[in-house]
PDB file of N, CA and C in Angstrom:
ATOM      1  N   UNK A   1     -26.543  -3.003  17.274  1.00  0.00           N
ATOM      2  CA  UNK A   1     -26.788  -2.277  16.042  1.00  0.00           C
ATOM      3  C   UNK A   1     -25.450  -2.053  15.351  1.00  0.00           C
ATOM      4  N   UNK A   2     -25.436  -2.203  14.095  1.00  0.00           N
ATOM      5  CA  UNK A   2     -24.231  -1.976  13.302  1.00  0.00           C
ATOM      6  C   UNK A   2     -24.012  -0.476  13.106  1.00  0.00           C
ATOM      7  N   UNK A   3     -22.757  -0.075  13.045  1.00  0.00           N
ATOM      8  CA  UNK A   3     -22.423   1.337  12.849  1.00  0.00           C
ATOM      9  C   UNK A   3     -23.056   1.864  11.562  1.00  0.00           C
ATOM     10  N   UNK A   4     -23.046   1.050  10.508  1.00  0.00           N
ATOM     11  CA  UNK A   4     -23.630   1.502   9.241  1.00  0.00           C
ATOM     12  C   UNK A   4     -25.124   1.777   9.390  1.00  0.00           C
ATOM     13  N   UNK A   5     -25.810   1.024  10.259  1.00  0.00           N
ATOM     14  CA  UNK A   5     -27.239   1.257  10.496  1.00  0.00           C
ATOM     15  C   UNK A   5     -27.467   2.553  11.266  1.00  0.00           C
ATOM     16  N   UNK A   6     -26.583   2.835  12.210  1.00  0.00           N
ATOM     17  CA  UNK A   6     -26.682   4.090  12.961  1.00  0.00           C
ATOM     18  C   UNK A   6     -26.488   5.277  12.025  1.00  0.00           C
ATOM     19  N   UNK A   7     -25.486   5.195  11.189  1.00  0.00           N
ATOM     20  CA  UNK A   7     -25.208   6.275  10.236  1.00  0.00           C
ATOM     21  C   UNK A   7     -26.409   6.501   9.320  1.00  0.00           C
ATOM     22  N   UNK A   8     -26.977   5.421   8.820  1.00  0.00           N
ATOM     23  CA  UNK A   8     -28.134   5.528   7.929  1.00  0.00           C
ATOM     24  C   UNK A   8     -29.324   6.153   8.666  1.00  0.00           C
ATOM     25  N   UNK A   9     -29.548   5.724   9.892  1.00  0.00           N
ATOM     26  CA  UNK A   9     -30.649   6.283  10.688  1.00  0.00           C
ATOM     27  C   UNK A   9     -30.451   7.789  10.893  1.00  0.00           C
ATOM     28  N   UNK A  10     -29.250   8.183  11.231  1.00  0.00           N
ATOM     29  CA  UNK A  10     -28.978   9.610  11.437  1.00  0.00           C
ATOM     30  C   UNK A  10     -29.172  10.400  10.148  1.00  0.00           C
ATOM     31  N   UNK A  11     -28.684   9.875   9.049  1.00  0.00           N
ATOM     32  CA  UNK A  11     -28.855  10.555   7.756  1.00  0.00           C
ATOM     33  C   UNK A  11     -30.317  10.728   7.387  1.00  0.00           C
ATOM     34  N   UNK A  12     -31.121   9.705   7.690  1.00  0.00           N
ATOM     35  CA  UNK A  12     -32.533   9.717   7.292  1.00  0.00           C
ATOM     36  C   UNK A  12     -33.433  10.508   8.235  1.00  0.00           C
ATOM     37  N   UNK A  13     -32.973  10.776   9.451  1.00  0.00           N
ATOM     38  CA  UNK A  13     -33.860  11.365  10.441  1.00  0.00           C
ATOM     39  C   UNK A  13     -33.420  12.720  10.987  1.00  0.00           C
ATOM     40  N   UNK A  14     -32.218  13.138  10.667  1.00  0.00           N
ATOM     41  CA  UNK A  14     -31.713  14.391  11.214  1.00  0.00           C
ATOM     42  C   UNK A  14     -30.998  15.198  10.149  1.00  0.00           C
ATOM     43  N   UNK A  15     -31.066  16.489  10.306  1.00  0.00           N
ATOM     44  CA  UNK A  15     -30.258  17.387   9.497  1.00  0.00           C
ATOM     45  C   UNK A  15     -28.829  17.301  10.021  1.00  0.00           C
ATOM     46  N   UNK A  16     -27.852  17.433   9.150  1.00  0.00           N
ATOM     47  CA  UNK A  16     -26.465  17.274   9.593  1.00  0.00           C
ATOM     48  C   UNK A  16     -26.028  18.336  10.592  1.00  0.00           C
ATOM     49  N   UNK A  17     -26.781  19.417  10.743  1.00  0.00           N
ATOM     50  CA  UNK A  17     -26.462  20.447  11.726  1.00  0.00           C
ATOM     51  C   UNK A  17     -27.251  20.283  13.031  1.00  0.00           C
ATOM     52  N   UNK A  18     -28.122  19.261  13.117  1.00  0.00           N
ATOM     53  CA  UNK A  18     -28.855  18.995  14.357  1.00  0.00           C
ATOM     54  C   UNK A  18     -27.887  18.510  15.436  1.00  0.00           C
ATOM     55  N   UNK A  19     -28.249  18.779  16.673  1.00  0.00           N
ATOM     56  CA  UNK A  19     -27.493  18.245  17.814  1.00  0.00           C
ATOM     57  C   UNK A  19     -28.351  17.185  18.489  1.00  0.00           C
ATOM     58  N   UNK A  20     -27.748  16.057  18.794  1.00  0.00           N
ATOM     59  CA  UNK A  20     -28.466  14.965  19.448  1.00  0.00           C
ATOM     60  C   UNK A  20     -27.600  14.399  20.574  1.00  0.00           C
ATOM     61  N   UNK A  21     -28.243  13.765  21.531  1.00  0.00           N
ATOM     62  CA  UNK A  21     -27.533  13.055  22.593  1.00  0.00           C
ATOM     63  C   UNK A  21     -27.446  11.597  22.169  1.00  0.00           C
ATOM     64  N   UNK A  22     -26.233  11.089  22.119  1.00  0.00           N
ATOM     65  CA  UNK A  22     -26.025   9.698  21.717  1.00  0.00           C
ATOM     66  C   UNK A  22     -25.135   9.030  22.760  1.00  0.00           C
ATOM     67  N   UNK A  23     -25.517   7.847  23.155  1.00  0.00           N
ATOM     68  CA  UNK A  23     -24.698   7.039  24.058  1.00  0.00           C
ATOM     69  C   UNK A  23     -24.516   5.673  23.418  1.00  0.00           C
ATOM     70  N   UNK A  24     -23.303   5.156  23.470  1.00  0.00           N
ATOM     71  CA  UNK A  24     -23.090   3.819  22.951  1.00  0.00           C
ATOM     72  C   UNK A  24     -21.939   3.179  23.705  1.00  0.00           C
ATOM     73  N   UNK A  25     -21.931   1.873  23.672  1.00  0.00           N
ATOM     74  CA  UNK A  25     -20.894   1.088  24.314  1.00  0.00           C
ATOM     75  C   UNK A  25     -20.462   0.018  23.323  1.00  0.00           C
ATOM     76  N   UNK A  26     -19.173  -0.146  23.156  1.00  0.00           N
ATOM     77  CA  UNK A  26     -18.700  -1.226  22.301  1.00  0.00           C
ATOM     78  C   UNK A  26     -18.351  -2.430  23.172  1.00  0.00           C
ATOM     79  N   UNK A  27     -18.062  -3.502  22.545  1.00  0.00           N
ATOM     80  CA  UNK A  27     -17.827  -4.781  23.239  1.00  0.00           C
ATOM     81  C   UNK A  27     -16.716  -4.649  24.280  1.00  0.00           C
ATOM     82  N   UNK A  28     -15.698  -3.864  23.971  1.00  0.00           N
ATOM     83  CA  UNK A  28     -14.546  -3.739  24.857  1.00  0.00           C
ATOM     84  C   UNK A  28     -14.870  -3.003  26.157  1.00  0.00           C
ATOM     85  N   UNK A  29     -16.021  -2.352  26.225  1.00  0.00           N
ATOM     86  CA  UNK A  29     -16.372  -1.612  27.444  1.00  0.00           C
ATOM     87  C   UNK A  29     -17.068  -2.495  28.487  1.00  0.00           C
ATOM     88  N   UNK A  30     -17.262  -3.771  28.168  1.00  0.00           N
ATOM     89  CA  UNK A  30     -17.907  -4.700  29.086  1.00  0.00           C
ATOM     90  C   UNK A  30     -16.904  -5.729  29.597  1.00  0.00           C
ATOM     91  N   UNK A  31     -17.285  -6.416  30.640  1.00  0.00           N
ATOM     92  CA  UNK A  31     -16.461  -7.452  31.228  1.00  0.00           C
ATOM     93  C   UNK A  31     -16.137  -8.505  30.160  1.00  0.00           C
ATOM     94  N   UNK A  32     -14.861  -8.736  29.881  1.00  0.00           N
ATOM     95  CA  UNK A  32     -14.483  -9.696  28.830  1.00  0.00           C
ATOM     96  C   UNK A  32     -15.005 -11.108  29.096  1.00  0.00           C
ATOM     97  N   UNK A  33     -15.080 -11.499  30.370  1.00  0.00           N
ATOM     98  CA  UNK A  33     -15.588 -12.843  30.686  1.00  0.00           C
ATOM     99  C   UNK A  33     -17.048 -12.984  30.264  1.00  0.00           C
ATOM    100  N   UNK A  34     -17.768 -11.889  30.284  1.00  0.00           N
ATOM    101  CA  UNK A  34     -19.173 -11.919  29.884  1.00  0.00           C
ATOM    102  C   UNK A  34     -19.312 -11.903  28.368  1.00  0.00           C
ATOM    103  N   UNK A  35     -18.727 -10.902  27.728  1.00  0.00           N
ATOM    104  CA  UNK A  35     -18.951 -10.730  26.280  1.00  0.00           C
ATOM    105  C   UNK A  35     -18.208 -11.738  25.421  1.00  0.00           C
ATOM    106  N   UNK A  36     -17.189 -12.375  25.971  1.00  0.00           N
ATOM    107  CA  UNK A  36     -16.453 -13.390  25.209  1.00  0.00           C
ATOM    108  C   UNK A  36     -16.909 -14.804  25.540  1.00  0.00           C
ATOM    109  N   UNK A  37     -17.944 -14.912  26.349  1.00  0.00           N
ATOM    110  CA  UNK A  37     -18.492 -16.218  26.695  1.00  0.00           C
ATOM    111  C   UNK A  37     -19.054 -16.853  25.422  1.00  0.00           C
ATOM    112  N   UNK A  38     -18.658 -18.088  25.125  1.00  0.00           N
ATOM    113  CA  UNK A  38     -19.135 -18.744  23.895  1.00  0.00           C
ATOM    114  C   UNK A  38     -20.658 -18.884  23.820  1.00  0.00           C
ATOM    115  N   UNK A  39     -21.321 -18.824  24.964  1.00  0.00           N
ATOM    116  CA  UNK A  39     -22.783 -18.949  24.971  1.00  0.00           C
ATOM    117  C   UNK A  39     -23.482 -17.636  24.613  1.00  0.00           C
ATOM    118  N   UNK A  40     -22.730 -16.551  24.563  1.00  0.00           N
ATOM    119  CA  UNK A  40     -23.308 -15.248  24.231  1.00  0.00           C
ATOM    120  C   UNK A  40     -22.912 -14.853  22.812  1.00  0.00           C
ATOM    121  N   UNK A  41     -23.887 -14.633  21.977  1.00  0.00           N
ATOM    122  CA  UNK A  41     -23.622 -14.132  20.632  1.00  0.00           C
ATOM    123  C   UNK A  41     -23.696 -12.608  20.698  1.00  0.00           C
ATOM    124  N   UNK A  42     -22.532 -11.963  20.620  1.00  0.00           N
ATOM    125  CA  UNK A  42     -22.464 -10.504  20.785  1.00  0.00           C
ATOM    126  C   UNK A  42     -23.345  -9.777  19.774  1.00  0.00           C
ATOM    127  N   UNK A  43     -23.333 -10.193  18.533  1.00  0.00           N
ATOM    128  CA  UNK A  43     -24.146  -9.524  17.508  1.00  0.00           C
ATOM    129  C   UNK A  43     -25.631  -9.599  17.858  1.00  0.00           C
ATOM    130  N   UNK A  44     -26.091 -10.763  18.253  1.00  0.00           N
ATOM    131  CA  UNK A  44     -27.498 -10.911  18.646  1.00  0.00           C
ATOM    132  C   UNK A  44     -27.813 -10.079  19.883  1.00  0.00           C
ATOM    133  N   UNK A  45     -26.888 -10.082  20.827  1.00  0.00           N
ATOM    134  CA  UNK A  45     -27.095  -9.310  22.050  1.00  0.00           C
ATOM    135  C   UNK A  45     -27.253  -7.821  21.741  1.00  0.00           C
ATOM    136  N   UNK A  46     -26.469  -7.319  20.796  1.00  0.00           N
ATOM    137  CA  UNK A  46     -26.574  -5.900  20.415  1.00  0.00           C
ATOM    138  C   UNK A  46     -27.970  -5.579  19.892  1.00  0.00           C
ATOM    139  N   UNK A  47     -28.517  -6.432  19.070  1.00  0.00           N
ATOM    140  CA  UNK A  47     -29.856  -6.196  18.531  1.00  0.00           C
ATOM    141  C   UNK A  47     -30.928  -6.312  19.612  1.00  0.00           C
ATOM    142  N   UNK A  48     -30.697  -7.183  20.586  1.00  0.00           N
ATOM    143  CA  UNK A  48     -31.671  -7.346  21.664  1.00  0.00           C
ATOM    144  C   UNK A  48     -31.719  -6.127  22.576  1.00  0.00           C
ATOM    145  N   UNK A  49     -30.699  -5.299  22.539  1.00  0.00           N
ATOM    146  CA  UNK A  49     -30.693  -4.084  23.365  1.00  0.00           C
ATOM    147  C   UNK A  49     -31.823  -3.133  22.979  1.00  0.00           C
ATOM    148  N   UNK A  50     -32.328  -3.259  21.756  1.00  0.00           N
ATOM    149  CA  UNK A  50     -33.466  -2.440  21.341  1.00  0.00           C
ATOM    150  C   UNK A  50     -34.707  -2.758  22.166  1.00  0.00           C
ATOM    151  N   UNK A  51     -34.733  -3.934  22.792  1.00  0.00           N
ATOM    152  CA  UNK A  51     -35.882  -4.354  23.592  1.00  0.00           C
ATOM    153  C   UNK A  51     -35.786  -3.916  25.056  1.00  0.00           C
ATOM    154  N   UNK A  52     -34.663  -3.315  25.434  1.00  0.00           N
ATOM    155  CA  UNK A  52     -34.481  -2.870  26.817  1.00  0.00           C
ATOM    156  C   UNK A  52     -35.303  -1.608  27.056  1.00  0.00           C
ATOM    157  N   UNK A  53     -35.783  -1.465  28.277  1.00  0.00           N
ATOM    158  CA  UNK A  53     -36.461  -0.232  28.686  1.00  0.00           C
ATOM    159  C   UNK A  53     -35.383   0.805  28.997  1.00  0.00           C
ATOM    160  N   UNK A  54     -35.211   1.747  28.099  1.00  0.00           N
ATOM    161  CA  UNK A  54     -34.188   2.784  28.244  1.00  0.00           C
ATOM    162  C   UNK A  54     -34.705   3.982  29.038  1.00  0.00           C
ATOM    163  N   UNK A  55     -35.880   3.842  29.633  1.00  0.00           N
ATOM    164  CA  UNK A  55     -36.505   4.944  30.354  1.00  0.00           C
ATOM    165  C   UNK A  55     -35.592   5.501  31.449  1.00  0.00           C
ATOM    166  N   UNK A  56     -34.951   4.622  32.217  1.00  0.00           N
ATOM    167  CA  UNK A  56     -34.070   5.088  33.294  1.00  0.00           C
ATOM    168  C   UNK A  56     -32.910   5.918  32.758  1.00  0.00           C
ATOM    169  N   UNK A  57     -32.365   5.504  31.640  1.00  0.00           N
ATOM    170  CA  UNK A  57     -31.263   6.260  31.038  1.00  0.00           C
ATOM    171  C   UNK A  57     -31.740   7.648  30.632  1.00  0.00           C
ATOM    172  N   UNK A  58     -32.910   7.721  30.018  1.00  0.00           N
ATOM    173  CA  UNK A  58     -33.480   9.007  29.619  1.00  0.00           C
ATOM    174  C   UNK A  58     -33.715   9.884  30.843  1.00  0.00           C
ATOM    175  N   UNK A  59     -34.237   9.292  31.916  1.00  0.00           N
ATOM    176  CA  UNK A  59     -34.482  10.037  33.152  1.00  0.00           C
ATOM    177  C   UNK A  59     -33.184  10.580  33.741  1.00  0.00           C
ATOM    178  N   UNK A  60     -32.123   9.787  33.712  1.00  0.00           N
ATOM    179  CA  UNK A  60     -30.832  10.232  34.245  1.00  0.00           C
ATOM    180  C   UNK A  60     -30.272  11.394  33.435  1.00  0.00           C
ATOM    181  N   UNK A  61     -30.430  11.339  32.113  1.00  0.00           N
ATOM    182  CA  UNK A  61     -29.975  12.447  31.267  1.00  0.00           C
ATOM    183  C   UNK A  61     -30.800  13.693  31.562  1.00  0.00           C
ATOM    184  N   UNK A  62     -32.113  13.525  31.710  1.00  0.00           N
ATOM    185  CA  UNK A  62     -32.996  14.650  32.032  1.00  0.00           C
ATOM    186  C   UNK A  62     -32.599  15.258  33.371  1.00  0.00           C
ATOM    187  N   UNK A  63     -32.340  14.423  34.373  1.00  0.00           N
ATOM    188  CA  UNK A  63     -31.909  14.919  35.685  1.00  0.00           C
ATOM    189  C   UNK A  63     -30.604  15.692  35.581  1.00  0.00           C
ATOM    190  N   UNK A  64     -29.663  15.184  34.792  1.00  0.00           N
ATOM    191  CA  UNK A  64     -28.382  15.872  34.617  1.00  0.00           C
ATOM    192  C   UNK A  64     -28.585  17.225  33.960  1.00  0.00           C
ATOM    193  N   UNK A  65     -29.439  17.292  32.950  1.00  0.00           N
ATOM    194  CA  UNK A  65     -29.719  18.575  32.291  1.00  0.00           C
ATOM    195  C   UNK A  65     -30.332  19.564  33.276  1.00  0.00           C
ATOM    196  N   UNK A  66     -31.252  19.071  34.097  1.00  0.00           N
ATOM    197  CA  UNK A  66     -31.892  19.932  35.109  1.00  0.00           C
ATOM    198  C   UNK A  66     -30.859  20.438  36.114  1.00  0.00           C
ATOM    199  N   UNK A  67     -29.968  19.574  36.549  1.00  0.00           N
ATOM    200  CA  UNK A  67     -28.911  19.975  37.495  1.00  0.00           C
ATOM    201  C   UNK A  67     -28.006  21.023  36.894  1.00  0.00           C
ATOM    202  N   UNK A  68     -27.600  20.805  35.649  1.00  0.00           N
ATOM    203  CA  UNK A  68     -26.727  21.782  34.994  1.00  0.00           C
ATOM    204  C   UNK A  68     -27.422  23.120  34.830  1.00  0.00           C
ATOM    205  N   UNK A  69     -28.710  23.075  34.531  1.00  0.00           N
ATOM    206  CA  UNK A  69     -29.484  24.309  34.384  1.00  0.00           C
ATOM    207  C   UNK A  69     -29.524  25.053  35.712  1.00  0.00           C
ATOM    208  N   UNK A  70     -29.750  24.344  36.800  1.00  0.00           N
ATOM    209  CA  UNK A  70     -29.801  24.962  38.130  1.00  0.00           C
ATOM    210  C   UNK A  70     -28.452  25.556  38.520  1.00  0.00           C
ATOM    211  N   UNK A  71     -27.364  24.893  38.185  1.00  0.00           N
ATOM    212  CA  UNK A  71     -26.021  25.380  38.493  1.00  0.00           C
ATOM    213  C   UNK A  71     -25.726  26.663  37.713  1.00  0.00           C
ATOM    214  N   UNK A  72     -26.198  26.706  36.481  1.00  0.00           N
ATOM    215  CA  UNK A  72     -25.938  27.857  35.620  1.00  0.00           C
ATOM    216  C   UNK A  72     -26.710  29.105  36.044  1.00  0.00           C
ATOM    217  N   UNK A  73     -27.810  28.918  36.770  1.00  0.00           N
ATOM    218  CA  UNK A  73     -28.651  30.070  37.123  1.00  0.00           C
ATOM    219  C   UNK A  73     -28.178  30.788  38.338  1.00  0.00           C
TER     220      UNK A  73
END
């Protein structure tokens, strides 16, 4: 996803005072041999990430929130 698309999505869907959880990774955060492989189109790969099942990531964030809540009590 392009940064400009993220900004537009946030502007259209959230109040500027809302708090949201956002996670992102840029190309430099991955193994260079993988992302610089001529057979991989990085731009296309970014868009294909929308098709990934992000359920596990959501579950991990939920678990972390639950742990922090338990620690605070």
